[in-house]
Amino acid sequence: MSRVCQVTGKRPITGNSVSHSNIKTKRRFLPNLQTKRFFYAEEDRWITLKVSSEAIRTINKNGLGATVKLLRAKGEKI
């Protein structure tokens, strides 16, 4: 599976590892992804989402119902 958040769309980015002697080598910064189960009360079932820690806070703020509506509008299968 790809390392992409289903809610925010966060994905790995590239940058440099910088050593003490200032030598730069390429590296990847991975998003903090969690596989999380949420109880979706409107459909009376559990849904599993691969979300970043920021997306978990977004779901807590806006509610799972609003987030699922946005995901389905984007064409995400849930």
PDB file of N, CA and C in Angstrom:
ATOM      1  N   MET A   1       0.836  -1.189   0.000  1.00  0.00           N
ATOM      2  CA  MET A   1       0.000   0.000   0.000  1.00  0.00           C
ATOM      3  C   MET A   1       0.871   1.238   0.000  1.00  0.00           C
ATOM      4  N   SER A   2       0.366   2.268  -0.616  1.00  0.00           N
ATOM      5  CA  SER A   2       1.137   3.500  -0.668  1.00  0.00           C
ATOM      6  C   SER A   2       1.042   4.247   0.652  1.00  0.00           C
ATOM      7  N   ARG A   3       2.038   5.065   0.903  1.00  0.00           N
ATOM      8  CA  ARG A   3       2.078   5.836   2.146  1.00  0.00           C
ATOM      9  C   ARG A   3       1.415   7.190   1.927  1.00  0.00           C
ATOM     10  N   VAL A   4       0.106   7.171   1.759  1.00  0.00           N
ATOM     11  CA  VAL A   4      -0.659   8.392   1.511  1.00  0.00           C
ATOM     12  C   VAL A   4      -1.844   8.419   2.467  1.00  0.00           C
ATOM     13  N   CYS A   5      -2.060   9.570   3.099  1.00  0.00           N
ATOM     14  CA  CYS A   5      -3.193   9.740   4.002  1.00  0.00           C
ATOM     15  C   CYS A   5      -4.468   9.847   3.168  1.00  0.00           C
ATOM     16  N   GLN A   6      -5.515   9.122   3.570  1.00  0.00           N
ATOM     17  CA  GLN A   6      -6.766   9.130   2.819  1.00  0.00           C
ATOM     18  C   GLN A   6      -7.538  10.434   2.997  1.00  0.00           C
ATOM     19  N   VAL A   7      -7.326  11.151   4.089  1.00  0.00           N
ATOM     20  CA  VAL A   7      -8.089  12.365   4.355  1.00  0.00           C
ATOM     21  C   VAL A   7      -7.355  13.601   3.858  1.00  0.00           C
ATOM     22  N   THR A   8      -6.107  13.776   4.269  1.00  0.00           N
ATOM     23  CA  THR A   8      -5.379  15.010   3.935  1.00  0.00           C
ATOM     24  C   THR A   8      -4.567  14.892   2.656  1.00  0.00           C
ATOM     25  N   GLY A   9      -4.265  13.667   2.220  1.00  0.00           N
ATOM     26  CA  GLY A   9      -3.467  13.491   1.013  1.00  0.00           C
ATOM     27  C   GLY A   9      -1.976  13.634   1.253  1.00  0.00           C
ATOM     28  N   LYS A  10      -1.560  13.679   2.516  1.00  0.00           N
ATOM     29  CA  LYS A  10      -0.130  13.777   2.805  1.00  0.00           C
ATOM     30  C   LYS A  10       0.590  12.565   2.246  1.00  0.00           C
ATOM     31  N   ARG A  11       1.764  12.795   1.659  1.00  0.00           N
ATOM     32  CA  ARG A  11       2.574  11.725   1.098  1.00  0.00           C
ATOM     33  C   ARG A  11       4.040  11.989   1.409  1.00  0.00           C
ATOM     34  N   PRO A  12       4.931  11.025   1.181  1.00  0.00           N
ATOM     35  CA  PRO A  12       6.339  11.259   1.496  1.00  0.00           C
ATOM     36  C   PRO A  12       6.921  12.413   0.677  1.00  0.00           C
ATOM     37  N   ILE A  13       7.826  13.155   1.309  1.00  0.00           N
ATOM     38  CA  ILE A  13       8.550  14.208   0.605  1.00  0.00           C
ATOM     39  C   ILE A  13      10.040  13.919   0.724  1.00  0.00           C
ATOM     40  N   THR A  14      10.821  14.535  -0.139  1.00  0.00           N
ATOM     41  CA  THR A  14      12.255  14.297  -0.113  1.00  0.00           C
ATOM     42  C   THR A  14      12.980  15.504   0.444  1.00  0.00           C
ATOM     43  N   GLY A  15      14.147  15.236   0.960  1.00  0.00           N
ATOM     44  CA  GLY A  15      14.983  16.288   1.516  1.00  0.00           C
ATOM     45  C   GLY A  15      16.389  15.762   1.660  1.00  0.00           C
ATOM     46  N   ASN A  16      17.158  16.419   2.486  1.00  0.00           N
ATOM     47  CA  ASN A  16      18.550  16.039   2.689  1.00  0.00           C
ATOM     48  C   ASN A  16      18.806  15.664   4.133  1.00  0.00           C
ATOM     49  N   SER A  17      19.638  14.610   4.309  1.00  0.00           N
ATOM     50  CA  SER A  17      20.238  14.350   5.604  1.00  0.00           C
ATOM     51  C   SER A  17      21.528  15.159   5.604  1.00  0.00           C
ATOM     52  N   VAL A  18      21.726  15.950   6.626  1.00  0.00           N
ATOM     53  CA  VAL A  18      22.916  16.799   6.686  1.00  0.00           C
ATOM     54  C   VAL A  18      23.780  16.311   7.838  1.00  0.00           C
ATOM     55  N   SER A  19      25.001  15.910   7.521  1.00  0.00           N
ATOM     56  CA  SER A  19      25.906  15.403   8.536  1.00  0.00           C
ATOM     57  C   SER A  19      26.588  16.563   9.271  1.00  0.00           C
ATOM     58  N   HIS A  20      27.355  16.204  10.281  1.00  0.00           N
ATOM     59  CA  HIS A  20      28.080  17.217  11.052  1.00  0.00           C
ATOM     60  C   HIS A  20      29.050  18.000  10.154  1.00  0.00           C
ATOM     61  N   SER A  21      29.611  17.310   9.143  1.00  0.00           N
ATOM     62  CA  SER A  21      30.537  17.974   8.228  1.00  0.00           C
ATOM     63  C   SER A  21      29.825  18.617   7.046  1.00  0.00           C
ATOM     64  N   ASN A  22      28.501  18.729   7.134  1.00  0.00           N
ATOM     65  CA  ASN A  22      27.664  19.407   6.147  1.00  0.00           C
ATOM     66  C   ASN A  22      27.595  18.675   4.804  1.00  0.00           C
ATOM     67  N   ILE A  23      27.793  17.350   4.825  1.00  0.00           N
ATOM     68  CA  ILE A  23      27.617  16.543   3.621  1.00  0.00           C
ATOM     69  C   ILE A  23      26.139  16.198   3.522  1.00  0.00           C
ATOM     70  N   LYS A  24      25.568  16.413   2.342  1.00  0.00           N
ATOM     71  CA  LYS A  24      24.132  16.210   2.155  1.00  0.00           C
ATOM     72  C   LYS A  24      23.878  14.946   1.338  1.00  0.00           C
ATOM     73  N   THR A  25      22.994  14.090   1.846  1.00  0.00           N
ATOM     74  CA  THR A  25      22.558  12.910   1.121  1.00  0.00           C
ATOM     75  C   THR A  25      21.038  12.905   1.114  1.00  0.00           C
ATOM     76  N   LYS A  26      20.465  12.391   0.057  1.00  0.00           N
ATOM     77  CA  LYS A  26      19.013  12.385  -0.092  1.00  0.00           C
ATOM     78  C   LYS A  26      18.359  11.444   0.914  1.00  0.00           C
ATOM     79  N   ARG A  27      17.197  11.825   1.390  1.00  0.00           N
ATOM     80  CA  ARG A  27      16.394  10.991   2.278  1.00  0.00           C
ATOM     81  C   ARG A  27      14.926  11.273   2.050  1.00  0.00           C
ATOM     82  N   ARG A  28      14.072  10.455   2.641  1.00  0.00           N
ATOM     83  CA  ARG A  28      12.613  10.630   2.533  1.00  0.00           C
ATOM     84  C   ARG A  28      12.052  10.951   3.907  1.00  0.00           C
ATOM     85  N   PHE A  29      11.119  11.887   3.937  1.00  0.00           N
ATOM     86  CA  PHE A  29      10.373  12.195   5.147  1.00  0.00           C
ATOM     87  C   PHE A  29       8.998  11.563   4.981  1.00  0.00           C
ATOM     88  N   LEU A  30       8.690  10.585   5.832  1.00  0.00           N
ATOM     89  CA  LEU A  30       7.430   9.863   5.720  1.00  0.00           C
ATOM     90  C   LEU A  30       6.378  10.489   6.634  1.00  0.00           C
ATOM     91  N   PRO A  31       5.118  10.533   6.188  1.00  0.00           N
ATOM     92  CA  PRO A  31       4.060  11.053   7.060  1.00  0.00           C
ATOM     93  C   PRO A  31       3.781  10.072   8.199  1.00  0.00           C
ATOM     94  N   ASN A  32       3.258  10.605   9.289  1.00  0.00           N
ATOM     95  CA  ASN A  32       2.940   9.790  10.467  1.00  0.00           C
ATOM     96  C   ASN A  32       1.582   9.134  10.238  1.00  0.00           C
ATOM     97  N   LEU A  33       1.577   8.000   9.525  1.00  0.00           N
ATOM     98  CA  LEU A  33       0.330   7.327   9.162  1.00  0.00           C
ATOM     99  C   LEU A  33      -0.047   6.265  10.182  1.00  0.00           C
ATOM    100  N   GLN A  34      -1.328   6.190  10.471  1.00  0.00           N
ATOM    101  CA  GLN A  34      -1.886   5.201  11.375  1.00  0.00           C
ATOM    102  C   GLN A  34      -3.056   4.529  10.664  1.00  0.00           C
ATOM    103  N   THR A  35      -3.189   3.226  10.828  1.00  0.00           N
ATOM    104  CA  THR A  35      -4.374   2.525  10.353  1.00  0.00           C
ATOM    105  C   THR A  35      -5.358   2.523  11.517  1.00  0.00           C
ATOM    106  N   LYS A  36      -6.486   3.212  11.337  1.00  0.00           N
ATOM    107  CA  LYS A  36      -7.400   3.460  12.452  1.00  0.00           C
ATOM    108  C   LYS A  36      -8.806   3.046  12.071  1.00  0.00           C
ATOM    109  N   ARG A  37      -9.504   2.429  13.013  1.00  0.00           N
ATOM    110  CA  ARG A  37     -10.898   2.049  12.825  1.00  0.00           C
ATOM    111  C   ARG A  37     -11.780   3.085  13.510  1.00  0.00           C
ATOM    112  N   PHE A  38     -12.798   3.535  12.783  1.00  0.00           N
ATOM    113  CA  PHE A  38     -13.775   4.483  13.309  1.00  0.00           C
ATOM    114  C   PHE A  38     -15.153   3.850  13.203  1.00  0.00           C
ATOM    115  N   PHE A  39     -16.012   4.109  14.191  1.00  0.00           N
ATOM    116  CA  PHE A  39     -17.377   3.623  14.113  1.00  0.00           C
ATOM    117  C   PHE A  39     -18.216   4.677  13.421  1.00  0.00           C
ATOM    118  N   TYR A  40     -18.766   4.317  12.261  1.00  0.00           N
ATOM    119  CA  TYR A  40     -19.574   5.231  11.457  1.00  0.00           C
ATOM    120  C   TYR A  40     -21.045   4.995  11.816  1.00  0.00           C
ATOM    121  N   ALA A  41     -21.591   5.842  12.683  1.00  0.00           N
ATOM    122  CA  ALA A  41     -22.920   5.629  13.253  1.00  0.00           C
ATOM    123  C   ALA A  41     -24.031   5.725  12.204  1.00  0.00           C
ATOM    124  N   GLU A  42     -23.866   6.562  11.168  1.00  0.00           N
ATOM    125  CA  GLU A  42     -24.911   6.709  10.154  1.00  0.00           C
ATOM    126  C   GLU A  42     -25.192   5.398   9.438  1.00  0.00           C
ATOM    127  N   GLU A  43     -24.167   4.583   9.233  1.00  0.00           N
ATOM    128  CA  GLU A  43     -24.344   3.299   8.558  1.00  0.00           C
ATOM    129  C   GLU A  43     -24.225   2.123   9.525  1.00  0.00           C
ATOM    130  N   ASP A  44     -24.021   2.417  10.803  1.00  0.00           N
ATOM    131  CA  ASP A  44     -23.942   1.414  11.863  1.00  0.00           C
ATOM    132  C   ASP A  44     -22.880   0.356  11.550  1.00  0.00           C
ATOM    133  N   ARG A  45     -21.675   0.806  11.199  1.00  0.00           N
ATOM    134  CA  ARG A  45     -20.586  -0.129  10.898  1.00  0.00           C
ATOM    135  C   ARG A  45     -19.239   0.527  11.192  1.00  0.00           C
ATOM    136  N   TRP A  46     -18.206  -0.290  11.243  1.00  0.00           N
ATOM    137  CA  TRP A  46     -16.846   0.198  11.433  1.00  0.00           C
ATOM    138  C   TRP A  46     -16.209   0.438  10.070  1.00  0.00           C
ATOM    139  N   ILE A  47     -15.430   1.522   9.951  1.00  0.00           N
ATOM    140  CA  ILE A  47     -14.660   1.763   8.733  1.00  0.00           C
ATOM    141  C   ILE A  47     -13.197   1.902   9.127  1.00  0.00           C
ATOM    142  N   THR A  48     -12.315   1.412   8.289  1.00  0.00           N
ATOM    143  CA  THR A  48     -10.884   1.476   8.532  1.00  0.00           C
ATOM    144  C   THR A  48     -10.287   2.481   7.563  1.00  0.00           C
ATOM    145  N   LEU A  49      -9.562   3.442   8.103  1.00  0.00           N
ATOM    146  CA  LEU A  49      -8.928   4.464   7.288  1.00  0.00           C
ATOM    147  C   LEU A  49      -7.434   4.505   7.588  1.00  0.00           C
ATOM    148  N   LYS A  50      -6.648   4.799   6.568  1.00  0.00           N
ATOM    149  CA  LYS A  50      -5.214   5.006   6.749  1.00  0.00           C
ATOM    150  C   LYS A  50      -5.003   6.516   6.783  1.00  0.00           C
ATOM    151  N   VAL A  51      -4.819   7.053   7.994  1.00  0.00           N
ATOM    152  CA  VAL A  51      -4.821   8.497   8.183  1.00  0.00           C
ATOM    153  C   VAL A  51      -3.572   8.950   8.925  1.00  0.00           C
ATOM    154  N   SER A  52      -3.211  10.210   8.700  1.00  0.00           N
ATOM    155  CA  SER A  52      -2.107  10.817   9.441  1.00  0.00           C
ATOM    156  C   SER A  52      -2.630  11.296  10.789  1.00  0.00           C
ATOM    157  N   SER A  53      -1.706  11.638  11.665  1.00  0.00           N
ATOM    158  CA  SER A  53      -2.113  12.118  12.991  1.00  0.00           C
ATOM    159  C   SER A  53      -2.866  13.438  12.871  1.00  0.00           C
ATOM    160  N   GLU A  54      -2.526  14.250  11.885  1.00  0.00           N
ATOM    161  CA  GLU A  54      -3.259  15.498  11.643  1.00  0.00           C
ATOM    162  C   GLU A  54      -4.692  15.210  11.209  1.00  0.00           C
ATOM    163  N   ALA A  55      -4.878  14.165  10.409  1.00  0.00           N
ATOM    164  CA  ALA A  55      -6.214  13.810   9.934  1.00  0.00           C
ATOM    165  C   ALA A  55      -7.091  13.300  11.076  1.00  0.00           C
ATOM    166  N   ILE A  56      -6.493  12.616  12.057  1.00  0.00           N
ATOM    167  CA  ILE A  56      -7.263  12.164  13.213  1.00  0.00           C
ATOM    168  C   ILE A  56      -7.807  13.367  13.968  1.00  0.00           C
ATOM    169  N   ARG A  57      -6.992  14.408  14.107  1.00  0.00           N
ATOM    170  CA  ARG A  57      -7.448  15.630  14.765  1.00  0.00           C
ATOM    171  C   ARG A  57      -8.542  16.318  13.944  1.00  0.00           C
ATOM    172  N   THR A  58      -8.430  16.278  12.627  1.00  0.00           N
ATOM    173  CA  THR A  58      -9.442  16.861  11.748  1.00  0.00           C
ATOM    174  C   THR A  58     -10.769  16.126  11.893  1.00  0.00           C
ATOM    175  N   ILE A  59     -10.712  14.796  11.958  1.00  0.00           N
ATOM    176  CA  ILE A  59     -11.925  14.000  12.129  1.00  0.00           C
ATOM    177  C   ILE A  59     -12.569  14.298  13.476  1.00  0.00           C
ATOM    178  N   ASN A  60     -11.753  14.447  14.520  1.00  0.00           N
ATOM    179  CA  ASN A  60     -12.295  14.781  15.839  1.00  0.00           C
ATOM    180  C   ASN A  60     -12.975  16.146  15.828  1.00  0.00           C
ATOM    181  N   LYS A  61     -12.438  17.077  15.067  1.00  0.00           N
ATOM    182  CA  LYS A  61     -12.975  18.435  15.030  1.00  0.00           C
ATOM    183  C   LYS A  61     -14.249  18.513  14.178  1.00  0.00           C
ATOM    184  N   ASN A  62     -14.198  18.003  12.956  1.00  0.00           N
ATOM    185  CA  ASN A  62     -15.302  18.148  12.003  1.00  0.00           C
ATOM    186  C   ASN A  62     -16.345  17.046  12.111  1.00  0.00           C
ATOM    187  N   GLY A  63     -15.971  15.920  12.680  1.00  0.00           N
ATOM    188  CA  GLY A  63     -16.875  14.781  12.773  1.00  0.00           C
ATOM    189  C   GLY A  63     -16.618  13.795  11.647  1.00  0.00           C
ATOM    190  N   LEU A  64     -16.867  12.536  11.940  1.00  0.00           N
ATOM    191  CA  LEU A  64     -16.618  11.486  10.957  1.00  0.00           C
ATOM    192  C   LEU A  64     -17.578  11.572   9.779  1.00  0.00           C
ATOM    193  N   GLY A  65     -18.838  11.940  10.027  1.00  0.00           N
ATOM    194  CA  GLY A  65     -19.824  12.020   8.947  1.00  0.00           C
ATOM    195  C   GLY A  65     -19.440  13.027   7.880  1.00  0.00           C
ATOM    196  N   ALA A  66     -18.990  14.211   8.308  1.00  0.00           N
ATOM    197  CA  ALA A  66     -18.581  15.243   7.355  1.00  0.00           C
ATOM    198  C   ALA A  66     -17.337  14.821   6.582  1.00  0.00           C
ATOM    199  N   THR A  67     -16.427  14.153   7.261  1.00  0.00           N
ATOM    200  CA  THR A  67     -15.197  13.705   6.608  1.00  0.00           C
ATOM    201  C   THR A  67     -15.496  12.622   5.575  1.00  0.00           C
ATOM    202  N   VAL A  68     -16.387  11.707   5.908  1.00  0.00           N
ATOM    203  CA  VAL A  68     -16.745  10.633   4.962  1.00  0.00           C
ATOM    204  C   VAL A  68     -17.436  11.222   3.733  1.00  0.00           C
ATOM    205  N   LYS A  69     -18.289  12.229   3.936  1.00  0.00           N
ATOM    206  CA  LYS A  69     -18.942  12.874   2.789  1.00  0.00           C
ATOM    207  C   LYS A  69     -17.918  13.500   1.850  1.00  0.00           C
ATOM    208  N   LEU A  70     -16.902  14.169   2.415  1.00  0.00           N
ATOM    209  CA  LEU A  70     -15.851  14.771   1.587  1.00  0.00           C
ATOM    210  C   LEU A  70     -15.058  13.712   0.837  1.00  0.00           C
ATOM    211  N   LEU A  71     -14.746  12.595   1.521  1.00  0.00           N
ATOM    212  CA  LEU A  71     -13.991  11.527   0.870  1.00  0.00           C
ATOM    213  C   LEU A  71     -14.782  10.912  -0.276  1.00  0.00           C
ATOM    214  N   ARG A  72     -16.073  10.701  -0.064  1.00  0.00           N
ATOM    215  CA  ARG A  72     -16.895  10.119  -1.131  1.00  0.00           C
ATOM    216  C   ARG A  72     -17.078  11.092  -2.281  1.00  0.00           C
ATOM    217  N   ALA A  73     -17.097  12.389  -1.996  1.00  0.00           N
ATOM    218  CA  ALA A  73     -17.186  13.398  -3.063  1.00  0.00           C
ATOM    219  C   ALA A  73     -15.919  13.389  -3.910  1.00  0.00           C
ATOM    220  N   LYS A  74     -14.783  13.076  -3.284  1.00  0.00           N
ATOM    221  CA  LYS A  74     -13.511  13.000  -4.014  1.00  0.00           C
ATOM    222  C   LYS A  74     -13.398  11.709  -4.814  1.00  0.00           C
ATOM    223  N   GLY A  75     -14.294  10.733  -4.555  1.00  0.00           N
ATOM    224  CA  GLY A  75     -14.274   9.480  -5.281  1.00  0.00           C
ATOM    225  C   GLY A  75     -13.597   8.353  -4.527  1.00  0.00           C
ATOM    226  N   GLU A  76     -13.262   8.573  -3.266  1.00  0.00           N
ATOM    227  CA  GLU A  76     -12.634   7.554  -2.434  1.00  0.00           C
ATOM    228  C   GLU A  76     -13.668   6.490  -2.065  1.00  0.00           C
ATOM    229  N   LYS A  77     -13.303   5.220  -2.179  1.00  0.00           N
ATOM    230  CA  LYS A  77     -14.218   4.135  -1.827  1.00  0.00           C
ATOM    231  C   LYS A  77     -14.057   3.824  -0.351  1.00  0.00           C
ATOM    232  N   ILE A  78     -15.162   3.920   0.391  1.00  0.00           N
ATOM    233  CA  ILE A  78     -15.118   3.650   1.842  1.00  0.00           C
ATOM    234  C   ILE A  78     -16.153   2.601   2.187  1.00  0.00           C
TER     235      ILE A  78
END
